[in-house]
Amino acid sequence: MPRRPGAGAPKGNQNARKGKAWRDALTKALKQYEDPKYVGVDGEPDPIRRGQALDRIARKVVQMALQGDLDAIEEIGNRLDGKPAQAIIGGDEDSEPIRIARIERVIVRANPPAPDC
């Protein structure tokens, strides 16, 4: 579908790529990381093979959540269900949230036909 003039970001906009370089670097590091001498929390050798780092991190977050760590619980909830919608408030923090009663889409003709005279 061709891009409509004035729709969305300007042509050549690079905003979407800003976070991508960091994500790509982290993904690469997680895939390549290995530590044959890693020692687990129990003091026993627990080598991390290439490609296991992200699984180990995820397992640790789950363990922390099961032990009652609220940050870990929140992280799991946000990743599985998405972050909860944030209330839109008026002036300052003490203001009541704005309540939207109705959202309406109105289609307007840009160049209406001239009336017959």
PDB file of N, CA and C in Angstrom:
ATOM      1  N   MET A   1       0.852  -1.179   0.000  1.00  0.00           N
ATOM      2  CA  MET A   1       0.000   0.000   0.000  1.00  0.00           C
ATOM      3  C   MET A   1       0.895   1.239   0.000  1.00  0.00           C
ATOM      4  N   PRO A   2       0.681   2.176  -0.909  1.00  0.00           N
ATOM      5  CA  PRO A   2       1.534   3.357  -0.965  1.00  0.00           C
ATOM      6  C   PRO A   2       1.322   4.244   0.256  1.00  0.00           C
ATOM      7  N   ARG A   3       2.372   4.928   0.627  1.00  0.00           N
ATOM      8  CA  ARG A   3       2.329   5.807   1.789  1.00  0.00           C
ATOM      9  C   ARG A   3       1.616   7.099   1.416  1.00  0.00           C
ATOM     10  N   ARG A   4       0.655   7.492   2.248  1.00  0.00           N
ATOM     11  CA  ARG A   4      -0.063   8.747   2.030  1.00  0.00           C
ATOM     12  C   ARG A   4       0.825   9.907   2.448  1.00  0.00           C
ATOM     13  N   PRO A   5       0.834  10.992   1.682  1.00  0.00           N
ATOM     14  CA  PRO A   5       1.598  12.172   2.108  1.00  0.00           C
ATOM     15  C   PRO A   5       1.083  12.666   3.452  1.00  0.00           C
ATOM     16  N   GLY A   6       2.001  12.982   4.344  1.00  0.00           N
ATOM     17  CA  GLY A   6       1.626  13.509   5.655  1.00  0.00           C
ATOM     18  C   GLY A   6       1.202  12.449   6.655  1.00  0.00           C
ATOM     19  N   ALA A   7       1.244  11.172   6.278  1.00  0.00           N
ATOM     20  CA  ALA A   7       0.841  10.108   7.201  1.00  0.00           C
ATOM     21  C   ALA A   7       2.067   9.531   7.885  1.00  0.00           C
ATOM     22  N   GLY A   8       2.062   9.472   9.196  1.00  0.00           N
ATOM     23  CA  GLY A   8       3.157   8.853   9.931  1.00  0.00           C
ATOM     24  C   GLY A   8       4.427   9.694   9.935  1.00  0.00           C
ATOM     25  N   ALA A   9       5.537   9.018  10.156  1.00  0.00           N
ATOM     26  CA  ALA A   9       6.821   9.694  10.241  1.00  0.00           C
ATOM     27  C   ALA A   9       7.309  10.085   8.852  1.00  0.00           C
ATOM     28  N   PRO A  10       8.147  11.111   8.772  1.00  0.00           N
ATOM     29  CA  PRO A  10       8.676  11.518   7.474  1.00  0.00           C
ATOM     30  C   PRO A  10       9.537  10.431   6.838  1.00  0.00           C
ATOM     31  N   LYS A  11       9.633  10.463   5.528  1.00  0.00           N
ATOM     32  CA  LYS A  11      10.435   9.483   4.795  1.00  0.00           C
ATOM     33  C   LYS A  11      11.879   9.544   5.289  1.00  0.00           C
ATOM     34  N   GLY A  12      12.466   8.383   5.500  1.00  0.00           N
ATOM     35  CA  GLY A  12      13.844   8.319   5.979  1.00  0.00           C
ATOM     36  C   GLY A  12      13.980   8.395   7.489  1.00  0.00           C
ATOM     37  N   ASN A  13      12.869   8.446   8.227  1.00  0.00           N
ATOM     38  CA  ASN A  13      12.904   8.525   9.684  1.00  0.00           C
ATOM     39  C   ASN A  13      13.570   7.274  10.250  1.00  0.00           C
ATOM     40  N   GLN A  14      14.508   7.447  11.148  1.00  0.00           N
ATOM     41  CA  GLN A  14      15.280   6.337  11.706  1.00  0.00           C
ATOM     42  C   GLN A  14      14.914   6.029  13.156  1.00  0.00           C
ATOM     43  N   ASN A  15      13.800   6.570  13.673  1.00  0.00           N
ATOM     44  CA  ASN A  15      13.449   6.382  15.083  1.00  0.00           C
ATOM     45  C   ASN A  15      13.321   4.915  15.467  1.00  0.00           C
ATOM     46  N   ALA A  16      12.760   4.088  14.604  1.00  0.00           N
ATOM     47  CA  ALA A  16      12.550   2.676  14.938  1.00  0.00           C
ATOM     48  C   ALA A  16      13.874   1.932  15.092  1.00  0.00           C
ATOM     49  N   ARG A  17      14.932   2.423  14.493  1.00  0.00           N
ATOM     50  CA  ARG A  17      16.224   1.731  14.540  1.00  0.00           C
ATOM     51  C   ARG A  17      17.026   2.070  15.787  1.00  0.00           C
ATOM     52  N   LYS A  18      16.636   3.126  16.527  1.00  0.00           N
ATOM     53  CA  LYS A  18      17.432   3.572  17.663  1.00  0.00           C
ATOM     54  C   LYS A  18      17.647   2.470  18.692  1.00  0.00           C
ATOM     55  N   GLY A  19      16.601   1.770  19.091  1.00  0.00           N
ATOM     56  CA  GLY A  19      16.726   0.721  20.093  1.00  0.00           C
ATOM     57  C   GLY A  19      17.166  -0.606  19.507  1.00  0.00           C
ATOM     58  N   LYS A  20      17.123  -0.738  18.200  1.00  0.00           N
ATOM     59  CA  LYS A  20      17.424  -2.006  17.554  1.00  0.00           C
ATOM     60  C   LYS A  20      18.899  -2.390  17.695  1.00  0.00           C
ATOM     61  N   ALA A  21      19.804  -1.446  17.601  1.00  0.00           N
ATOM     62  CA  ALA A  21      21.233  -1.759  17.705  1.00  0.00           C
ATOM     63  C   ALA A  21      21.548  -2.359  19.080  1.00  0.00           C
ATOM     64  N   TRP A  22      20.992  -1.799  20.129  1.00  0.00           N
ATOM     65  CA  TRP A  22      21.226  -2.302  21.486  1.00  0.00           C
ATOM     66  C   TRP A  22      20.609  -3.691  21.649  1.00  0.00           C
ATOM     67  N   ARG A  23      19.377  -3.871  21.151  1.00  0.00           N
ATOM     68  CA  ARG A  23      18.729  -5.173  21.225  1.00  0.00           C
ATOM     69  C   ARG A  23      19.524  -6.224  20.452  1.00  0.00           C
ATOM     70  N   ASP A  24      19.985  -5.854  19.270  1.00  0.00           N
ATOM     71  CA  ASP A  24      20.772  -6.790  18.465  1.00  0.00           C
ATOM     72  C   ASP A  24      22.076  -7.177  19.167  1.00  0.00           C
ATOM     73  N   ALA A  25      22.736  -6.197  19.801  1.00  0.00           N
ATOM     74  CA  ALA A  25      23.987  -6.479  20.512  1.00  0.00           C
ATOM     75  C   ALA A  25      23.737  -7.410  21.699  1.00  0.00           C
ATOM     76  N   LEU A  26      22.660  -7.170  22.433  1.00  0.00           N
ATOM     77  CA  LEU A  26      22.329  -8.036  23.570  1.00  0.00           C
ATOM     78  C   LEU A  26      21.995  -9.450  23.102  1.00  0.00           C
ATOM     79  N   THR A  27      21.219  -9.549  22.026  1.00  0.00           N
ATOM     80  CA  THR A  27      20.856 -10.863  21.489  1.00  0.00           C
ATOM     81  C   THR A  27      22.098 -11.641  21.088  1.00  0.00           C
ATOM     82  N   LYS A  28      23.014 -10.968  20.413  1.00  0.00           N
ATOM     83  CA  LYS A  28      24.257 -11.612  19.984  1.00  0.00           C
ATOM     84  C   LYS A  28      25.077 -12.062  21.193  1.00  0.00           C
ATOM     85  N   ALA A  29      25.209 -11.185  22.188  1.00  0.00           N
ATOM     86  CA  ALA A  29      25.990 -11.526  23.380  1.00  0.00           C
ATOM     87  C   ALA A  29      25.376 -12.705  24.126  1.00  0.00           C
ATOM     88  N   LEU A  30      24.050 -12.728  24.231  1.00  0.00           N
ATOM     89  CA  LEU A  30      23.387 -13.834  24.919  1.00  0.00           C
ATOM     90  C   LEU A  30      23.579 -15.153  24.176  1.00  0.00           C
ATOM     91  N   LYS A  31      23.539 -15.101  22.849  1.00  0.00           N
ATOM     92  CA  LYS A  31      23.728 -16.319  22.055  1.00  0.00           C
ATOM     93  C   LYS A  31      25.151 -16.837  22.139  1.00  0.00           C
ATOM     94  N   GLN A  32      26.121 -15.924  22.224  1.00  0.00           N
ATOM     95  CA  GLN A  32      27.532 -16.324  22.193  1.00  0.00           C
ATOM     96  C   GLN A  32      28.118 -16.585  23.583  1.00  0.00           C
ATOM     97  N   TYR A  33      27.448 -16.119  24.630  1.00  0.00           N
ATOM     98  CA  TYR A  33      28.017 -16.219  25.977  1.00  0.00           C
ATOM     99  C   TYR A  33      28.155 -17.671  26.407  1.00  0.00           C
ATOM    100  N   GLU A  34      29.295 -17.968  26.975  1.00  0.00           N
ATOM    101  CA  GLU A  34      29.498 -19.270  27.608  1.00  0.00           C
ATOM    102  C   GLU A  34      30.506 -19.099  28.735  1.00  0.00           C
ATOM    103  N   ASP A  35      30.334 -19.879  29.769  1.00  0.00           N
ATOM    104  CA  ASP A  35      31.231 -19.828  30.926  1.00  0.00           C
ATOM    105  C   ASP A  35      31.383 -21.237  31.480  1.00  0.00           C
ATOM    106  N   PRO A  36      32.436 -21.950  31.024  1.00  0.00           N
ATOM    107  CA  PRO A  36      32.611 -23.335  31.469  1.00  0.00           C
ATOM    108  C   PRO A  36      32.940 -23.450  32.960  1.00  0.00           C
ATOM    109  N   LYS A  37      33.349 -22.335  33.596  1.00  0.00           N
ATOM    110  CA  LYS A  37      33.733 -22.379  35.014  1.00  0.00           C
ATOM    111  C   LYS A  37      32.669 -21.762  35.924  1.00  0.00           C
ATOM    112  N   TYR A  38      31.474 -21.505  35.394  1.00  0.00           N
ATOM    113  CA  TYR A  38      30.414 -20.871  36.179  1.00  0.00           C
ATOM    114  C   TYR A  38      30.042 -21.759  37.359  1.00  0.00           C
ATOM    115  N   VAL A  39      29.876 -21.129  38.511  1.00  0.00           N
ATOM    116  CA  VAL A  39      29.484 -21.836  39.725  1.00  0.00           C
ATOM    117  C   VAL A  39      28.093 -21.351  40.112  1.00  0.00           C
ATOM    118  N   GLY A  40      27.174 -22.282  40.312  1.00  0.00           N
ATOM    119  CA  GLY A  40      25.802 -21.949  40.654  1.00  0.00           C
ATOM    120  C   GLY A  40      25.669 -21.391  42.055  1.00  0.00           C
ATOM    121  N   VAL A  41      24.462 -20.988  42.436  1.00  0.00           N
ATOM    122  CA  VAL A  41      24.215 -20.397  43.748  1.00  0.00           C
ATOM    123  C   VAL A  41      24.451 -21.391  44.877  1.00  0.00           C
ATOM    124  N   ASP A  42      24.385 -22.681  44.548  1.00  0.00           N
ATOM    125  CA  ASP A  42      24.616 -23.702  45.576  1.00  0.00           C
ATOM    126  C   ASP A  42      26.101 -24.021  45.745  1.00  0.00           C
ATOM    127  N   GLY A  43      26.966 -23.320  44.982  1.00  0.00           N
ATOM    128  CA  GLY A  43      28.396 -23.540  45.082  1.00  0.00           C
ATOM    129  C   GLY A  43      28.912 -24.671  44.209  1.00  0.00           C
ATOM    130  N   GLU A  44      28.014 -25.330  43.508  1.00  0.00           N
ATOM    131  CA  GLU A  44      28.402 -26.438  42.629  1.00  0.00           C
ATOM    132  C   GLU A  44      28.714 -25.909  41.227  1.00  0.00           C
ATOM    133  N   PRO A  45      29.692 -26.545  40.544  1.00  0.00           N
ATOM    134  CA  PRO A  45      29.967 -26.141  39.159  1.00  0.00           C
ATOM    135  C   PRO A  45      28.717 -26.318  38.298  1.00  0.00           C
ATOM    136  N   ASP A  46      28.431 -25.326  37.505  1.00  0.00           N
ATOM    137  CA  ASP A  46      27.230 -25.345  36.664  1.00  0.00           C
ATOM    138  C   ASP A  46      27.563 -24.629  35.356  1.00  0.00           C
ATOM    139  N   PRO A  47      28.341 -25.268  34.483  1.00  0.00           N
ATOM    140  CA  PRO A  47      28.802 -24.575  33.274  1.00  0.00           C
ATOM    141  C   PRO A  47      27.652 -24.073  32.417  1.00  0.00           C
ATOM    142  N   ILE A  48      27.866 -22.883  31.845  1.00  0.00           N
ATOM    143  CA  ILE A  48      26.891 -22.310  30.923  1.00  0.00           C
ATOM    144  C   ILE A  48      27.432 -22.529  29.519  1.00  0.00           C
ATOM    145  N   ARG A  49      26.710 -23.293  28.732  1.00  0.00           N
ATOM    146  CA  ARG A  49      27.118 -23.553  27.357  1.00  0.00           C
ATOM    147  C   ARG A  49      26.602 -22.443  26.458  1.00  0.00           C
ATOM    148  N   ARG A  50      27.206 -22.319  25.285  1.00  0.00           N
ATOM    149  CA  ARG A  50      26.790 -21.313  24.311  1.00  0.00           C
ATOM    150  C   ARG A  50      25.294 -21.473  24.014  1.00  0.00           C
ATOM    151  N   GLY A  51      24.571 -20.362  24.058  1.00  0.00           N
ATOM    152  CA  GLY A  51      23.145 -20.377  23.761  1.00  0.00           C
ATOM    153  C   GLY A  51      22.253 -20.612  24.971  1.00  0.00           C
ATOM    154  N   GLN A  52      22.825 -20.828  26.159  1.00  0.00           N
ATOM    155  CA  GLN A  52      22.018 -21.098  27.349  1.00  0.00           C
ATOM    156  C   GLN A  52      21.797 -19.880  28.238  1.00  0.00           C
ATOM    157  N   ALA A  53      22.476 -18.779  27.973  1.00  0.00           N
ATOM    158  CA  ALA A  53      22.451 -17.631  28.892  1.00  0.00           C
ATOM    159  C   ALA A  53      21.038 -17.094  29.107  1.00  0.00           C
ATOM    160  N   LEU A  54      20.286 -16.881  28.038  1.00  0.00           N
ATOM    161  CA  LEU A  54      18.943 -16.320  28.191  1.00  0.00           C
ATOM    162  C   LEU A  54      18.030 -17.279  28.951  1.00  0.00           C
ATOM    163  N   ASP A  55      18.160 -18.575  28.688  1.00  0.00           N
ATOM    164  CA  ASP A  55      17.366 -19.555  29.436  1.00  0.00           C
ATOM    165  C   ASP A  55      17.709 -19.511  30.918  1.00  0.00           C
ATOM    166  N   ARG A  56      18.993 -19.359  31.231  1.00  0.00           N
ATOM    167  CA  ARG A  56      19.402 -19.281  32.641  1.00  0.00           C
ATOM    168  C   ARG A  56      18.827 -18.042  33.317  1.00  0.00           C
ATOM    169  N   ILE A  57      18.855 -16.926  32.588  1.00  0.00           N
ATOM    170  CA  ILE A  57      18.319 -15.681  33.148  1.00  0.00           C
ATOM    171  C   ILE A  57      16.818 -15.826  33.389  1.00  0.00           C
ATOM    172  N   ALA A  58      16.108 -16.382  32.430  1.00  0.00           N
ATOM    173  CA  ALA A  58      14.658 -16.569  32.574  1.00  0.00           C
ATOM    174  C   ALA A  58      14.353 -17.486  33.759  1.00  0.00           C
ATOM    175  N   ARG A  59      15.116 -18.555  33.892  1.00  0.00           N
ATOM    176  CA  ARG A  59      14.916 -19.476  35.009  1.00  0.00           C
ATOM    177  C   ARG A  59      15.131 -18.765  36.345  1.00  0.00           C
ATOM    178  N   LYS A  60      16.149 -17.906  36.396  1.00  0.00           N
ATOM    179  CA  LYS A  60      16.444 -17.165  37.629  1.00  0.00           C
ATOM    180  C   LYS A  60      15.297 -16.213  37.982  1.00  0.00           C
ATOM    181  N   VAL A  61      14.732 -15.539  36.957  1.00  0.00           N
ATOM    182  CA  VAL A  61      13.606 -14.628  37.208  1.00  0.00           C
ATOM    183  C   VAL A  61      12.412 -15.403  37.760  1.00  0.00           C
ATOM    184  N   VAL A  62      12.150 -16.571  37.209  1.00  0.00           N
ATOM    185  CA  VAL A  62      11.050 -17.402  37.699  1.00  0.00           C
ATOM    186  C   VAL A  62      11.313 -17.824  39.149  1.00  0.00           C
ATOM    187  N   GLN A  63      12.544 -18.245  39.449  1.00  0.00           N
ATOM    188  CA  GLN A  63      12.892 -18.635  40.825  1.00  0.00           C
ATOM    189  C   GLN A  63      12.683 -17.468  41.783  1.00  0.00           C
ATOM    190  N   MET A  64      13.116 -16.280  41.372  1.00  0.00           N
ATOM    191  CA  MET A  64      12.960 -15.101  42.223  1.00  0.00           C
ATOM    192  C   MET A  64      11.476 -14.794  42.456  1.00  0.00           C
ATOM    193  N   ALA A  65      10.661 -14.920  41.408  1.00  0.00           N
ATOM    194  CA  ALA A  65       9.226 -14.670  41.545  1.00  0.00           C
ATOM    195  C   ALA A  65       8.599 -15.662  42.516  1.00  0.00           C
ATOM    196  N   LEU A  66       8.987 -16.922  42.413  1.00  0.00           N
ATOM    197  CA  LEU A  66       8.444 -17.943  43.308  1.00  0.00           C
ATOM    198  C   LEU A  66       8.866 -17.728  44.758  1.00  0.00           C
ATOM    199  N   GLN A  67       9.961 -16.990  44.957  1.00  0.00           N
ATOM    200  CA  GLN A  67      10.410 -16.671  46.312  1.00  0.00           C
ATOM    201  C   GLN A  67       9.788 -15.369  46.817  1.00  0.00           C
ATOM    202  N   GLY A  68       8.884 -14.789  46.003  1.00  0.00           N
ATOM    203  CA  GLY A  68       8.160 -13.604  46.454  1.00  0.00           C
ATOM    204  C   GLY A  68       8.728 -12.277  45.989  1.00  0.00           C
ATOM    205  N   ASP A  69       9.720 -12.265  45.124  1.00  0.00           N
ATOM    206  CA  ASP A  69      10.308 -11.013  44.636  1.00  0.00           C
ATOM    207  C   ASP A  69       9.283 -10.300  43.745  1.00  0.00           C
ATOM    208  N   LEU A  70       8.769  -9.162  44.219  1.00  0.00           N
ATOM    209  CA  LEU A  70       7.706  -8.454  43.501  1.00  0.00           C
ATOM    210  C   LEU A  70       8.168  -7.927  42.146  1.00  0.00           C
ATOM    211  N   ASP A  71       9.437  -7.503  42.035  1.00  0.00           N
ATOM    212  CA  ASP A  71       9.936  -7.031  40.745  1.00  0.00           C
ATOM    213  C   ASP A  71       9.947  -8.164  39.719  1.00  0.00           C
ATOM    214  N   ALA A  72      10.337  -9.347  40.141  1.00  0.00           N
ATOM    215  CA  ALA A  72      10.356 -10.498  39.239  1.00  0.00           C
ATOM    216  C   ALA A  72       8.929 -10.885  38.838  1.00  0.00           C
ATOM    217  N   ILE A  73       8.010 -10.844  39.789  1.00  0.00           N
ATOM    218  CA  ILE A  73       6.611 -11.149  39.500  1.00  0.00           C
ATOM    219  C   ILE A  73       6.061 -10.140  38.489  1.00  0.00           C
ATOM    220  N   GLU A  74       6.349  -8.870  38.705  1.00  0.00           N
ATOM    221  CA  GLU A  74       5.881  -7.821  37.795  1.00  0.00           C
ATOM    222  C   GLU A  74       6.487  -7.994  36.396  1.00  0.00           C
ATOM    223  N   GLU A  75       7.758  -8.330  36.331  1.00  0.00           N
ATOM    224  CA  GLU A  75       8.420  -8.542  35.039  1.00  0.00           C
ATOM    225  C   GLU A  75       7.768  -9.675  34.266  1.00  0.00           C
ATOM    226  N   ILE A  76       7.478 -10.767  34.927  1.00  0.00           N
ATOM    227  CA  ILE A  76       6.827 -11.900  34.267  1.00  0.00           C
ATOM    228  C   ILE A  76       5.437 -11.493  33.789  1.00  0.00           C
ATOM    229  N   GLY A  77       4.683 -10.818  34.648  1.00  0.00           N
ATOM    230  CA  GLY A  77       3.344 -10.371  34.261  1.00  0.00           C
ATOM    231  C   GLY A  77       3.379  -9.431  33.067  1.00  0.00           C
ATOM    232  N   ASN A  78       4.307  -8.484  33.072  1.00  0.00           N
ATOM    233  CA  ASN A  78       4.413  -7.533  31.969  1.00  0.00           C
ATOM    234  C   ASN A  78       4.806  -8.216  30.667  1.00  0.00           C
ATOM    235  N   ARG A  79       5.662  -9.216  30.739  1.00  0.00           N
ATOM    236  CA  ARG A  79       6.100  -9.909  29.524  1.00  0.00           C
ATOM    237  C   ARG A  79       5.019 -10.831  28.972  1.00  0.00           C
ATOM    238  N   LEU A  80       4.243 -11.435  29.852  1.00  0.00           N
ATOM    239  CA  LEU A  80       3.211 -12.365  29.390  1.00  0.00           C
ATOM    240  C   LEU A  80       1.908 -11.666  29.015  1.00  0.00           C
ATOM    241  N   ASP A  81       1.484 -10.698  29.819  1.00  0.00           N
ATOM    242  CA  ASP A  81       0.200 -10.044  29.595  1.00  0.00           C
ATOM    243  C   ASP A  81       0.327  -8.637  29.026  1.00  0.00           C
ATOM    244  N   GLY A  82       1.520  -8.093  28.993  1.00  0.00           N
ATOM    245  CA  GLY A  82       1.708  -6.708  28.569  1.00  0.00           C
ATOM    246  C   GLY A  82       1.541  -5.780  29.757  1.00  0.00           C
ATOM    247  N   LYS A  83       2.125  -4.608  29.654  1.00  0.00           N
ATOM    248  CA  LYS A  83       2.011  -3.643  30.747  1.00  0.00           C
ATOM    249  C   LYS A  83       0.579  -3.136  30.828  1.00  0.00           C
ATOM    250  N   PRO A  84       0.076  -2.897  32.051  1.00  0.00           N
ATOM    251  CA  PRO A  84      -1.289  -2.375  32.179  1.00  0.00           C
ATOM    252  C   PRO A  84      -1.367  -0.966  31.596  1.00  0.00           C
ATOM    253  N   ALA A  85      -2.545  -0.612  31.092  1.00  0.00           N
ATOM    254  CA  ALA A  85      -2.748   0.721  30.520  1.00  0.00           C
ATOM    255  C   ALA A  85      -2.557   1.768  31.604  1.00  0.00           C
ATOM    256  N   GLN A  86      -1.897   2.845  31.231  1.00  0.00           N
ATOM    257  CA  GLN A  86      -1.645   3.917  32.175  1.00  0.00           C
ATOM    258  C   GLN A  86      -2.779   4.921  32.080  1.00  0.00           C
ATOM    259  N   ALA A  87      -3.271   5.351  33.234  1.00  0.00           N
ATOM    260  CA  ALA A  87      -4.363   6.315  33.254  1.00  0.00           C
ATOM    261  C   ALA A  87      -3.886   7.655  32.715  1.00  0.00           C
ATOM    262  N   ILE A  88      -4.739   8.320  31.951  1.00  0.00           N
ATOM    263  CA  ILE A  88      -4.445   9.661  31.466  1.00  0.00           C
ATOM    264  C   ILE A  88      -5.050  10.613  32.478  1.00  0.00           C
ATOM    265  N   ILE A  89      -4.201  11.442  33.077  1.00  0.00           N
ATOM    266  CA  ILE A  89      -4.714  12.357  34.097  1.00  0.00           C
ATOM    267  C   ILE A  89      -4.657  13.778  33.583  1.00  0.00           C
ATOM    268  N   GLY A  90      -5.424  14.626  34.241  1.00  0.00           N
ATOM    269  CA  GLY A  90      -5.522  16.027  33.832  1.00  0.00           C
ATOM    270  C   GLY A  90      -4.293  16.820  34.203  1.00  0.00           C
ATOM    271  N   GLY A  91      -4.360  17.643  35.211  1.00  0.00           N
ATOM    272  CA  GLY A  91      -3.278  18.552  35.561  1.00  0.00           C
ATOM    273  C   GLY A  91      -2.113  17.875  36.259  1.00  0.00           C
ATOM    274  N   ASP A  92      -2.189  17.767  37.579  1.00  0.00           N
ATOM    275  CA  ASP A  92      -1.075  17.197  38.331  1.00  0.00           C
ATOM    276  C   ASP A  92      -1.404  15.762  38.760  1.00  0.00           C
ATOM    277  N   GLU A  93      -0.532  15.196  39.580  1.00  0.00           N
ATOM    278  CA  GLU A  93      -0.702  13.799  39.996  1.00  0.00           C
ATOM    279  C   GLU A  93      -1.966  13.556  40.804  1.00  0.00           C
ATOM    280  N   ASP A  94      -2.474  14.590  41.479  1.00  0.00           N
ATOM    281  CA  ASP A  94      -3.655  14.427  42.323  1.00  0.00           C
ATOM    282  C   ASP A  94      -4.962  14.561  41.543  1.00  0.00           C
ATOM    283  N   SER A  95      -4.874  14.897  40.263  1.00  0.00           N
ATOM    284  CA  SER A  95      -6.081  15.079  39.454  1.00  0.00           C
ATOM    285  C   SER A  95      -6.745  13.732  39.190  1.00  0.00           C
ATOM    286  N   GLU A  96      -8.043  13.785  38.985  1.00  0.00           N
ATOM    287  CA  GLU A  96      -8.789  12.589  38.610  1.00  0.00           C
ATOM    288  C   GLU A  96      -8.437  12.212  37.179  1.00  0.00           C
ATOM    289  N   PRO A  97      -8.456  10.912  36.846  1.00  0.00           N
ATOM    290  CA  PRO A  97      -8.203  10.521  35.455  1.00  0.00           C
ATOM    291  C   PRO A  97      -9.281  11.088  34.531  1.00  0.00           C
ATOM    292  N   ILE A  98      -8.878  11.391  33.317  1.00  0.00           N
ATOM    293  CA  ILE A  98      -9.835  11.879  32.331  1.00  0.00           C
ATOM    294  C   ILE A  98     -10.719  10.708  31.916  1.00  0.00           C
ATOM    295  N   ARG A  99     -12.018  10.914  31.912  1.00  0.00           N
ATOM    296  CA  ARG A  99     -12.953   9.859  31.527  1.00  0.00           C
ATOM    297  C   ARG A  99     -13.456  10.152  30.114  1.00  0.00           C
ATOM    298  N   ILE A 100     -13.278   9.207  29.238  1.00  0.00           N
ATOM    299  CA  ILE A 100     -13.716   9.366  27.850  1.00  0.00           C
ATOM    300  C   ILE A 100     -15.052   8.661  27.709  1.00  0.00           C
ATOM    301  N   ALA A 101     -16.072   9.426  27.339  1.00  0.00           N
ATOM    302  CA  ALA A 101     -17.419   8.866  27.219  1.00  0.00           C
ATOM    303  C   ALA A 101     -17.657   8.272  25.842  1.00  0.00           C
ATOM    304  N   ARG A 102     -17.075   8.883  24.816  1.00  0.00           N
ATOM    305  CA  ARG A 102     -17.340   8.417  23.468  1.00  0.00           C
ATOM    306  C   ARG A 102     -16.189   8.807  22.549  1.00  0.00           C
ATOM    307  N   ILE A 103     -15.810   7.894  21.693  1.00  0.00           N
ATOM    308  CA  ILE A 103     -14.830   8.180  20.650  1.00  0.00           C
ATOM    309  C   ILE A 103     -15.567   8.070  19.333  1.00  0.00           C
ATOM    310  N   GLU A 104     -15.413   9.062  18.518  1.00  0.00           N
ATOM    311  CA  GLU A 104     -16.179   9.133  17.295  1.00  0.00           C
ATOM    312  C   GLU A 104     -15.244   9.376  16.116  1.00  0.00           C
ATOM    313  N   ARG A 105     -15.452   8.666  15.032  1.00  0.00           N
ATOM    314  CA  ARG A 105     -14.676   8.882  13.816  1.00  0.00           C
ATOM    315  C   ARG A 105     -15.564   9.624  12.830  1.00  0.00           C
ATOM    316  N   VAL A 106     -15.097  10.757  12.359  1.00  0.00           N
ATOM    317  CA  VAL A 106     -15.859  11.564  11.428  1.00  0.00           C
ATOM    318  C   VAL A 106     -15.083  11.622  10.117  1.00  0.00           C
ATOM    319  N   ILE A 107     -15.721  11.243   9.044  1.00  0.00           N
ATOM    320  CA  ILE A 107     -15.088  11.286   7.734  1.00  0.00           C
ATOM    321  C   ILE A 107     -15.552  12.554   7.031  1.00  0.00           C
ATOM    322  N   VAL A 108     -14.589  13.354   6.624  1.00  0.00           N
ATOM    323  CA  VAL A 108     -14.886  14.630   5.979  1.00  0.00           C
ATOM    324  C   VAL A 108     -14.298  14.604   4.582  1.00  0.00           C
ATOM    325  N   ARG A 109     -15.060  14.986   3.599  1.00  0.00           N
ATOM    326  CA  ARG A 109     -14.537  15.057   2.237  1.00  0.00           C
ATOM    327  C   ARG A 109     -13.628  16.267   2.118  1.00  0.00           C
ATOM    328  N   ALA A 110     -12.446  16.055   1.609  1.00  0.00           N
ATOM    329  CA  ALA A 110     -11.483  17.152   1.484  1.00  0.00           C
ATOM    330  C   ALA A 110     -11.933  18.175   0.444  1.00  0.00           C
ATOM    331  N   ASN A 111     -12.477  17.737  -0.656  1.00  0.00           N
ATOM    332  CA  ASN A 111     -12.927  18.619  -1.726  1.00  0.00           C
ATOM    333  C   ASN A 111     -14.371  18.283  -2.069  1.00  0.00           C
ATOM    334  N   PRO A 112     -15.335  18.794  -1.302  1.00  0.00           N
ATOM    335  CA  PRO A 112     -16.734  18.473  -1.607  1.00  0.00           C
ATOM    336  C   PRO A 112     -17.127  19.077  -2.960  1.00  0.00           C
ATOM    337  N   PRO A 113     -18.044  18.447  -3.640  1.00  0.00           N
ATOM    338  CA  PRO A 113     -18.476  19.007  -4.940  1.00  0.00           C
ATOM    339  C   PRO A 113     -19.147  20.358  -4.747  1.00  0.00           C
ATOM    340  N   ALA A 114     -18.964  21.234  -5.717  1.00  0.00           N
ATOM    341  CA  ALA A 114     -19.582  22.560  -5.649  1.00  0.00           C
ATOM    342  C   ALA A 114     -21.091  22.410  -5.835  1.00  0.00           C
ATOM    343  N   PRO A 115     -21.877  23.140  -5.061  1.00  0.00           N
ATOM    344  CA  PRO A 115     -23.340  23.060  -5.211  1.00  0.00           C
ATOM    345  C   PRO A 115     -23.774  23.603  -6.570  1.00  0.00           C
ATOM    346  N   ASP A 116     -24.812  23.027  -7.127  1.00  0.00           N
ATOM    347  CA  ASP A 116     -25.363  23.518  -8.393  1.00  0.00           C
ATOM    348  C   ASP A 116     -26.043  24.869  -8.149  1.00  0.00           C
ATOM    349  N   CYS A 117     -25.785  25.836  -9.009  1.00  0.00           N
ATOM    350  CA  CYS A 117     -26.380  27.171  -8.869  1.00  0.00           C
ATOM    351  C   CYS A 117     -27.567  27.349  -9.754  1.00  0.00           C
TER     352      CYS A 117
END
